[in-house]
Each structure stands twice: as structure tokens, then as C-alpha cells.
Amino acid sequence: MFAKIIKGMMDEGIVVKDDAKLLAAELTAPAVLQIARSDRQPQCEKECMEYIEMHLRHFCKVYMR
């Protein structure tokens, strides 16, 4: 699903042209890992959410036009 969304964004010129499946994994995997960590360690929820925000900002800086 994310690969299709990213591919559409590539077609619109919003995201740099690259491998949509790979970018989808790069976008979602760190967030999934942090959510899983937060589930196991509720005391780390704030830290995990900060990491997700930092990751998303970095992804946008690198891949979005």
C-alpha cells in the first residue's frame, strides 16, 4: 500500500524517483519498530514518538522535493 502511495507521489514529482518498494520500507520500518518498542516499554513512549518524528522529518528532507 505504501509503495503505491509513494509511486503516485513520484509520478506527481513530490518524491524523487527511486525504488518505491524500497522507499516504502525505509519510511515505515523505523516507525513500526518504535511502536513495537513502545508497546513493550510504555515508559519509552515519548522517546519513541520523538524518534518517529525525527525519522519522518529526515525522510522528507532527503526524498521530497
N, C-alpha and C. Protein backbone atom coordinates (compact mmCIF):
# COMPACT_ATOMS: atom_id res chain seq x y z
N MET A 1 0.83 -1.18 0.00
CA MET A 1 0.00 0.00 0.00
C MET A 1 0.88 1.26 0.00
N PHE A 2 1.89 1.31 0.87
CA PHE A 2 2.76 2.48 0.93
C PHE A 2 3.56 2.65 -0.36
N ALA A 3 3.96 1.55 -0.96
CA ALA A 3 4.70 1.64 -2.22
C ALA A 3 3.85 2.30 -3.30
N LYS A 4 2.56 1.97 -3.34
CA LYS A 4 1.67 2.57 -4.33
C LYS A 4 1.51 4.07 -4.07
N ILE A 5 1.40 4.44 -2.81
CA ILE A 5 1.27 5.86 -2.47
C ILE A 5 2.54 6.61 -2.86
N ILE A 6 3.69 6.05 -2.52
CA ILE A 6 4.96 6.69 -2.85
C ILE A 6 5.16 6.76 -4.35
N LYS A 7 4.77 5.71 -5.07
CA LYS A 7 4.88 5.72 -6.54
C LYS A 7 4.03 6.85 -7.12
N GLY A 8 2.84 7.02 -6.59
CA GLY A 8 1.98 8.12 -7.05
C GLY A 8 2.61 9.48 -6.77
N MET A 9 3.26 9.60 -5.62
CA MET A 9 3.95 10.85 -5.28
C MET A 9 5.14 11.06 -6.20
N MET A 10 5.80 9.99 -6.60
CA MET A 10 6.91 10.10 -7.56
C MET A 10 6.38 10.59 -8.91
N ASP A 11 5.28 10.00 -9.33
CA ASP A 11 4.68 10.38 -10.62
C ASP A 11 4.26 11.85 -10.63
N GLU A 12 3.88 12.37 -9.47
CA GLU A 12 3.46 13.77 -9.36
C GLU A 12 4.65 14.72 -9.15
N GLY A 13 5.85 14.14 -8.98
CA GLY A 13 7.04 14.97 -8.78
C GLY A 13 7.22 15.44 -7.34
N ILE A 14 6.51 14.83 -6.41
CA ILE A 14 6.60 15.22 -5.00
C ILE A 14 7.78 14.53 -4.32
N VAL A 15 8.02 13.29 -4.72
CA VAL A 15 9.11 12.48 -4.16
C VAL A 15 10.08 12.17 -5.29
N VAL A 16 11.37 12.14 -4.98
CA VAL A 16 12.37 11.82 -6.00
C VAL A 16 12.12 10.42 -6.56
N LYS A 17 12.43 10.24 -7.82
CA LYS A 17 12.25 8.93 -8.46
C LYS A 17 13.28 7.95 -7.92
N ASP A 18 12.78 6.81 -7.45
CA ASP A 18 13.62 5.77 -6.87
C ASP A 18 12.78 4.51 -6.82
N ASP A 19 13.24 3.51 -6.13
CA ASP A 19 12.50 2.26 -5.96
C ASP A 19 11.40 2.47 -4.92
N ALA A 20 10.15 2.48 -5.35
CA ALA A 20 9.02 2.78 -4.46
C ALA A 20 8.90 1.76 -3.33
N LYS A 21 9.15 0.49 -3.62
CA LYS A 21 9.05 -0.53 -2.57
C LYS A 21 10.12 -0.33 -1.51
N LEU A 22 11.32 0.00 -1.94
CA LEU A 22 12.40 0.23 -1.00
C LEU A 22 12.13 1.47 -0.16
N LEU A 23 11.66 2.54 -0.78
CA LEU A 23 11.34 3.74 -0.01
C LEU A 23 10.20 3.50 0.98
N ALA A 24 9.24 2.69 0.59
CA ALA A 24 8.14 2.37 1.50
C ALA A 24 8.67 1.65 2.74
N ALA A 25 9.60 0.73 2.54
CA ALA A 25 10.20 0.02 3.67
C ALA A 25 11.03 0.99 4.52
N GLU A 26 11.78 1.86 3.87
CA GLU A 26 12.60 2.84 4.60
C GLU A 26 11.73 3.80 5.40
N LEU A 27 10.55 4.10 4.88
CA LEU A 27 9.65 5.02 5.57
C LEU A 27 8.98 4.35 6.76
N THR A 28 8.49 3.14 6.57
CA THR A 28 7.63 2.53 7.59
C THR A 28 8.37 1.69 8.63
N ALA A 29 9.46 1.03 8.26
CA ALA A 29 10.11 0.10 9.19
C ALA A 29 10.55 0.75 10.50
N PRO A 30 11.22 1.91 10.48
CA PRO A 30 11.62 2.51 11.76
C PRO A 30 10.42 2.86 12.65
N ALA A 31 9.34 3.32 12.05
CA ALA A 31 8.15 3.65 12.85
C ALA A 31 7.55 2.39 13.47
N VAL A 32 7.46 1.32 12.70
CA VAL A 32 6.92 0.06 13.21
C VAL A 32 7.77 -0.45 14.38
N LEU A 33 9.08 -0.38 14.23
CA LEU A 33 9.98 -0.82 15.31
C LEU A 33 9.78 0.02 16.57
N GLN A 34 9.63 1.32 16.42
CA GLN A 34 9.45 2.18 17.58
C GLN A 34 8.09 1.96 18.24
N ILE A 35 7.07 1.71 17.45
CA ILE A 35 5.75 1.42 18.01
C ILE A 35 5.80 0.11 18.79
N ALA A 36 6.46 -0.89 18.25
CA ALA A 36 6.61 -2.18 18.95
C ALA A 36 7.37 -1.97 20.26
N ARG A 37 8.42 -1.17 20.22
CA ARG A 37 9.18 -0.89 21.44
C ARG A 37 8.30 -0.19 22.47
N SER A 38 7.54 0.76 22.02
CA SER A 38 6.65 1.50 22.91
C SER A 38 5.61 0.57 23.55
N ASP A 39 5.13 -0.40 22.79
CA ASP A 39 4.19 -1.38 23.34
C ASP A 39 4.84 -2.22 24.44
N ARG A 40 6.10 -2.60 24.23
CA ARG A 40 6.82 -3.41 25.21
C ARG A 40 7.30 -2.59 26.40
N GLN A 41 7.62 -1.34 26.14
CA GLN A 41 8.19 -0.46 27.17
C GLN A 41 7.40 0.86 27.20
N PRO A 42 6.23 0.85 27.80
CA PRO A 42 5.38 2.05 27.79
C PRO A 42 6.07 3.29 28.34
N GLN A 43 7.03 3.11 29.21
CA GLN A 43 7.75 4.26 29.77
C GLN A 43 8.59 4.97 28.71
N CYS A 44 8.81 4.33 27.57
CA CYS A 44 9.62 4.92 26.48
C CYS A 44 8.77 5.55 25.38
N GLU A 45 7.47 5.65 25.61
CA GLU A 45 6.58 6.13 24.55
C GLU A 45 6.99 7.51 24.03
N LYS A 46 7.29 8.44 24.92
CA LYS A 46 7.67 9.79 24.47
C LYS A 46 8.93 9.73 23.61
N GLU A 47 9.93 8.99 24.05
CA GLU A 47 11.18 8.84 23.30
C GLU A 47 10.92 8.22 21.92
N CYS A 48 10.06 7.22 21.89
CA CYS A 48 9.74 6.55 20.61
C CYS A 48 9.03 7.50 19.66
N MET A 49 8.10 8.29 20.17
CA MET A 49 7.37 9.22 19.32
C MET A 49 8.30 10.32 18.79
N GLU A 50 9.24 10.75 19.63
CA GLU A 50 10.22 11.74 19.18
C GLU A 50 11.10 11.17 18.08
N TYR A 51 11.48 9.90 18.20
CA TYR A 51 12.29 9.25 17.18
C TYR A 51 11.52 9.16 15.87
N ILE A 52 10.25 8.78 15.94
CA ILE A 52 9.43 8.67 14.73
C ILE A 52 9.34 10.04 14.05
N GLU A 53 9.11 11.08 14.82
CA GLU A 53 9.04 12.42 14.24
C GLU A 53 10.36 12.80 13.58
N MET A 54 11.47 12.53 14.26
CA MET A 54 12.79 12.83 13.71
C MET A 54 13.01 12.05 12.41
N HIS A 55 12.63 10.79 12.40
CA HIS A 55 12.79 9.96 11.21
C HIS A 55 11.96 10.50 10.04
N LEU A 56 10.71 10.86 10.31
CA LEU A 56 9.85 11.37 9.23
C LEU A 56 10.38 12.68 8.67
N ARG A 57 10.87 13.55 9.53
CA ARG A 57 11.45 14.81 9.05
C ARG A 57 12.67 14.54 8.17
N HIS A 58 13.49 13.59 8.60
CA HIS A 58 14.68 13.24 7.82
C HIS A 58 14.27 12.65 6.46
N PHE A 59 13.31 11.73 6.47
CA PHE A 59 12.85 11.11 5.23
C PHE A 59 12.36 12.19 4.25
N CYS A 60 11.57 13.12 4.76
CA CYS A 60 11.06 14.19 3.90
C CYS A 60 12.18 15.07 3.36
N LYS A 61 13.15 15.39 4.21
CA LYS A 61 14.27 16.22 3.80
C LYS A 61 15.07 15.56 2.68
N VAL A 62 15.25 14.24 2.77
CA VAL A 62 16.07 13.51 1.81
C VAL A 62 15.31 13.19 0.52
N TYR A 63 14.05 12.78 0.63
CA TYR A 63 13.35 12.24 -0.53
C TYR A 63 12.29 13.14 -1.15
N MET A 64 11.85 14.15 -0.44
CA MET A 64 10.80 15.00 -1.01
C MET A 64 11.41 16.22 -1.67
N ARG A 65 10.75 16.69 -2.68
CA ARG A 65 11.22 17.86 -3.42
C ARG A 65 10.64 19.13 -2.86
